[in-house]
Every structure is written in C-alpha cells, then in structure tokens.
Amino acid sequence: MNENYVLNKVIKIASKLNKQPIVEISVESRLREDLGLDSFDLVEMINDLEFEFKITIPDYEIEKIKTIKDIEDFINSQIA
C-alpha cells in the first residue's frame, strides 16, 4: 500500500462527510475549520478509517489530529 493510497482514502472519506468536492480538500485542510466537520462527523470519519485500514486510533491520538496530513501520518505509521 503506498502513501498516495492512504491520502486518497482519507480525502475520499472527508469528502463524503462534508459533501465537498475531493479536489477542494488538501493535506493542509483542517478538519473542523476548513471542512466544517463536527464531533459526530469526526467520530464517523475515525470509524471509517479504522475499518478501512484495520487499525485502532486511540482517543489520545484523535485529540492530536487536526488536519488531513495528521490523519495520513498516523495511518502510515500504523501500517508501515
């Protein structure tokens, strides 16, 4: 699995949740401020990511996640 695969999946899931076109989401996009995801959206996103990549994202890690890049980096660290 390559790094672009992870990034593309994260962006696809974010796009589904906020109904924003994929092309408007970048690695710098902030989940709350730029994408407008609320707490319920973030829980759904984490659940989707855990299922997709067969990982567990602990609560203390979730608190650190602010951007698409943060999610990508965490997932890559878990599947590498």
N, C-alpha and C. Protein backbone atom coordinates (compact mmCIF):
# COMPACT_ATOMS: atom_id res chain seq x y z
N MET A 1 0.85 -1.17 0.00
CA MET A 1 0.00 0.00 0.00
C MET A 1 0.90 1.24 0.00
N ASN A 2 0.68 2.14 -0.94
CA ASN A 2 1.55 3.31 -0.99
C ASN A 2 0.93 4.51 -0.28
N GLU A 3 1.73 5.52 -0.09
CA GLU A 3 1.32 6.70 0.66
C GLU A 3 0.15 7.42 -0.03
N ASN A 4 0.15 7.47 -1.35
CA ASN A 4 -0.94 8.13 -2.06
C ASN A 4 -2.26 7.41 -1.83
N TYR A 5 -2.22 6.11 -1.69
CA TYR A 5 -3.44 5.35 -1.42
C TYR A 5 -4.07 5.82 -0.11
N VAL A 6 -3.26 5.94 0.92
CA VAL A 6 -3.75 6.38 2.22
C VAL A 6 -4.33 7.78 2.11
N LEU A 7 -3.59 8.69 1.53
CA LEU A 7 -4.05 10.07 1.40
C LEU A 7 -5.36 10.13 0.61
N ASN A 8 -5.43 9.42 -0.49
CA ASN A 8 -6.65 9.43 -1.30
C ASN A 8 -7.85 8.89 -0.54
N LYS A 9 -7.66 7.84 0.24
CA LYS A 9 -8.76 7.28 1.04
C LYS A 9 -9.22 8.27 2.12
N VAL A 10 -8.27 8.91 2.78
CA VAL A 10 -8.61 9.88 3.82
C VAL A 10 -9.41 11.03 3.21
N ILE A 11 -8.96 11.54 2.08
CA ILE A 11 -9.65 12.65 1.41
C ILE A 11 -11.04 12.21 0.95
N LYS A 12 -11.14 11.00 0.43
CA LYS A 12 -12.44 10.49 -0.04
C LYS A 12 -13.44 10.41 1.12
N ILE A 13 -13.00 9.93 2.26
CA ILE A 13 -13.88 9.82 3.43
C ILE A 13 -14.26 11.21 3.92
N ALA A 14 -13.31 12.14 3.97
CA ALA A 14 -13.61 13.52 4.39
C ALA A 14 -14.61 14.16 3.44
N SER A 15 -14.43 13.93 2.16
CA SER A 15 -15.32 14.49 1.15
C SER A 15 -16.75 13.97 1.32
N LYS A 16 -16.86 12.69 1.62
CA LYS A 16 -18.18 12.08 1.82
C LYS A 16 -18.89 12.72 3.01
N LEU A 17 -18.14 13.00 4.06
CA LEU A 17 -18.75 13.54 5.28
C LEU A 17 -19.16 15.00 5.15
N ASN A 18 -18.37 15.79 4.45
CA ASN A 18 -18.72 17.21 4.39
C ASN A 18 -19.31 17.61 3.04
N LYS A 19 -19.47 16.63 2.16
CA LYS A 19 -20.08 16.85 0.84
C LYS A 19 -19.38 17.95 0.05
N GLN A 20 -18.07 17.98 0.20
CA GLN A 20 -17.23 18.93 -0.53
C GLN A 20 -16.48 18.15 -1.60
N PRO A 21 -16.32 18.72 -2.80
CA PRO A 21 -15.59 18.00 -3.85
C PRO A 21 -14.18 17.62 -3.40
N ILE A 22 -13.76 16.43 -3.81
CA ILE A 22 -12.44 15.92 -3.44
C ILE A 22 -11.34 16.90 -3.83
N VAL A 23 -11.47 17.55 -4.97
CA VAL A 23 -10.41 18.45 -5.45
C VAL A 23 -10.23 19.66 -4.56
N GLU A 24 -11.20 19.96 -3.71
CA GLU A 24 -11.10 21.11 -2.81
C GLU A 24 -10.48 20.76 -1.46
N ILE A 25 -10.13 19.50 -1.26
CA ILE A 25 -9.53 19.05 0.01
C ILE A 25 -8.06 18.76 -0.22
N SER A 26 -7.22 19.32 0.64
CA SER A 26 -5.77 19.10 0.52
C SER A 26 -5.22 18.56 1.83
N VAL A 27 -3.93 18.25 1.82
CA VAL A 27 -3.31 17.73 3.04
C VAL A 27 -3.32 18.77 4.16
N GLU A 28 -3.36 20.05 3.80
CA GLU A 28 -3.37 21.11 4.80
C GLU A 28 -4.76 21.41 5.35
N SER A 29 -5.80 20.83 4.75
CA SER A 29 -7.16 21.11 5.18
C SER A 29 -7.35 20.74 6.64
N ARG A 30 -7.88 21.71 7.41
CA ARG A 30 -8.17 21.46 8.82
C ARG A 30 -9.57 20.88 8.92
N LEU A 31 -9.71 19.84 9.72
CA LEU A 31 -10.96 19.09 9.78
C LEU A 31 -12.14 19.94 10.23
N ARG A 32 -11.97 20.69 11.27
CA ARG A 32 -13.08 21.49 11.81
C ARG A 32 -13.20 22.83 11.07
N GLU A 33 -12.12 23.57 10.99
CA GLU A 33 -12.16 24.92 10.47
C GLU A 33 -12.42 24.97 8.96
N ASP A 34 -11.68 24.17 8.19
CA ASP A 34 -11.79 24.22 6.73
C ASP A 34 -12.89 23.32 6.19
N LEU A 35 -13.04 22.15 6.78
CA LEU A 35 -14.00 21.18 6.26
C LEU A 35 -15.34 21.22 7.00
N GLY A 36 -15.36 21.90 8.14
CA GLY A 36 -16.62 22.04 8.87
C GLY A 36 -17.13 20.77 9.52
N LEU A 37 -16.23 19.84 9.80
CA LEU A 37 -16.65 18.58 10.43
C LEU A 37 -16.92 18.83 11.92
N ASP A 38 -18.05 18.33 12.40
CA ASP A 38 -18.35 18.45 13.82
C ASP A 38 -17.93 17.16 14.53
N SER A 39 -18.21 17.09 15.80
CA SER A 39 -17.79 15.93 16.60
C SER A 39 -18.35 14.62 16.07
N PHE A 40 -19.60 14.64 15.64
CA PHE A 40 -20.22 13.42 15.11
C PHE A 40 -19.56 13.00 13.80
N ASP A 41 -19.25 13.98 12.95
CA ASP A 41 -18.55 13.69 11.70
C ASP A 41 -17.18 13.09 11.97
N LEU A 42 -16.48 13.64 12.96
CA LEU A 42 -15.14 13.14 13.27
C LEU A 42 -15.19 11.70 13.78
N VAL A 43 -16.19 11.39 14.59
CA VAL A 43 -16.35 10.00 15.08
C VAL A 43 -16.61 9.07 13.90
N GLU A 44 -17.48 9.49 13.00
CA GLU A 44 -17.78 8.67 11.82
C GLU A 44 -16.53 8.49 10.95
N MET A 45 -15.77 9.57 10.80
CA MET A 45 -14.55 9.50 10.00
C MET A 45 -13.55 8.53 10.62
N ILE A 46 -13.35 8.62 11.91
CA ILE A 46 -12.42 7.72 12.62
C ILE A 46 -12.89 6.27 12.46
N ASN A 47 -14.18 6.03 12.63
CA ASN A 47 -14.71 4.67 12.47
C ASN A 47 -14.46 4.14 11.06
N ASP A 48 -14.71 4.99 10.06
CA ASP A 48 -14.48 4.59 8.66
C ASP A 48 -13.01 4.28 8.41
N LEU A 49 -12.13 5.10 8.96
CA LEU A 49 -10.69 4.90 8.77
C LEU A 49 -10.21 3.64 9.48
N GLU A 50 -10.70 3.41 10.69
CA GLU A 50 -10.32 2.20 11.42
C GLU A 50 -10.76 0.95 10.66
N PHE A 51 -11.96 0.99 10.11
CA PHE A 51 -12.45 -0.14 9.33
C PHE A 51 -11.65 -0.31 8.04
N GLU A 52 -11.43 0.77 7.33
CA GLU A 52 -10.73 0.73 6.04
C GLU A 52 -9.32 0.18 6.18
N PHE A 53 -8.60 0.64 7.20
CA PHE A 53 -7.19 0.27 7.35
C PHE A 53 -6.94 -0.79 8.40
N LYS A 54 -8.03 -1.27 9.02
CA LYS A 54 -7.93 -2.32 10.04
C LYS A 54 -6.94 -1.94 11.15
N ILE A 55 -7.14 -0.72 11.66
CA ILE A 55 -6.31 -0.20 12.74
C ILE A 55 -7.23 0.32 13.84
N THR A 56 -6.64 0.65 14.97
CA THR A 56 -7.36 1.33 16.05
C THR A 56 -6.67 2.66 16.29
N ILE A 57 -7.48 3.69 16.36
CA ILE A 57 -6.94 5.03 16.63
C ILE A 57 -7.35 5.38 18.06
N PRO A 58 -6.39 5.36 19.00
CA PRO A 58 -6.71 5.64 20.40
C PRO A 58 -7.21 7.08 20.59
N ASP A 59 -8.01 7.28 21.63
CA ASP A 59 -8.57 8.61 21.91
C ASP A 59 -7.48 9.67 22.04
N TYR A 60 -6.36 9.34 22.69
CA TYR A 60 -5.31 10.34 22.86
C TYR A 60 -4.69 10.74 21.53
N GLU A 61 -4.74 9.88 20.54
CA GLU A 61 -4.26 10.23 19.20
C GLU A 61 -5.28 11.07 18.45
N ILE A 62 -6.55 10.76 18.66
CA ILE A 62 -7.62 11.51 18.00
C ILE A 62 -7.54 12.98 18.39
N GLU A 63 -7.24 13.24 19.64
CA GLU A 63 -7.13 14.63 20.12
C GLU A 63 -6.04 15.41 19.40
N LYS A 64 -5.02 14.72 18.90
CA LYS A 64 -3.90 15.37 18.21
C LYS A 64 -4.20 15.65 16.74
N ILE A 65 -5.21 14.98 16.20
CA ILE A 65 -5.49 15.08 14.77
C ILE A 65 -6.27 16.34 14.47
N LYS A 66 -5.65 17.20 13.67
CA LYS A 66 -6.27 18.47 13.30
C LYS A 66 -6.44 18.63 11.80
N THR A 67 -5.58 17.95 11.02
CA THR A 67 -5.58 18.13 9.56
C THR A 67 -5.62 16.77 8.85
N ILE A 68 -5.86 16.84 7.56
CA ILE A 68 -5.80 15.63 6.74
C ILE A 68 -4.41 15.01 6.84
N LYS A 69 -3.37 15.82 6.85
CA LYS A 69 -1.99 15.34 6.94
C LYS A 69 -1.76 14.60 8.25
N ASP A 70 -2.33 15.10 9.35
CA ASP A 70 -2.20 14.41 10.64
C ASP A 70 -2.76 12.99 10.57
N ILE A 71 -3.91 12.86 9.92
CA ILE A 71 -4.52 11.53 9.79
C ILE A 71 -3.65 10.64 8.91
N GLU A 72 -3.22 11.18 7.78
CA GLU A 72 -2.38 10.41 6.86
C GLU A 72 -1.12 9.92 7.57
N ASP A 73 -0.46 10.80 8.30
CA ASP A 73 0.78 10.43 9.00
C ASP A 73 0.52 9.34 10.02
N PHE A 74 -0.56 9.46 10.78
CA PHE A 74 -0.85 8.45 11.79
C PHE A 74 -1.10 7.09 11.14
N ILE A 75 -1.93 7.07 10.13
CA ILE A 75 -2.23 5.80 9.46
C ILE A 75 -0.97 5.19 8.88
N ASN A 76 -0.16 5.98 8.21
CA ASN A 76 1.09 5.46 7.64
C ASN A 76 1.99 4.88 8.73
N SER A 77 2.00 5.50 9.91
CA SER A 77 2.84 4.97 10.99
C SER A 77 2.32 3.63 11.52
N GLN A 78 1.03 3.39 11.36
CA GLN A 78 0.42 2.15 11.86
C GLN A 78 0.50 1.00 10.86
N ILE A 79 0.53 1.30 9.60
CA ILE A 79 0.51 0.23 8.59
C ILE A 79 1.88 -0.02 7.98
N ALA A 80 2.85 0.78 8.34
CA ALA A 80 4.19 0.62 7.77
C ALA A 80 4.88 -0.62 8.29
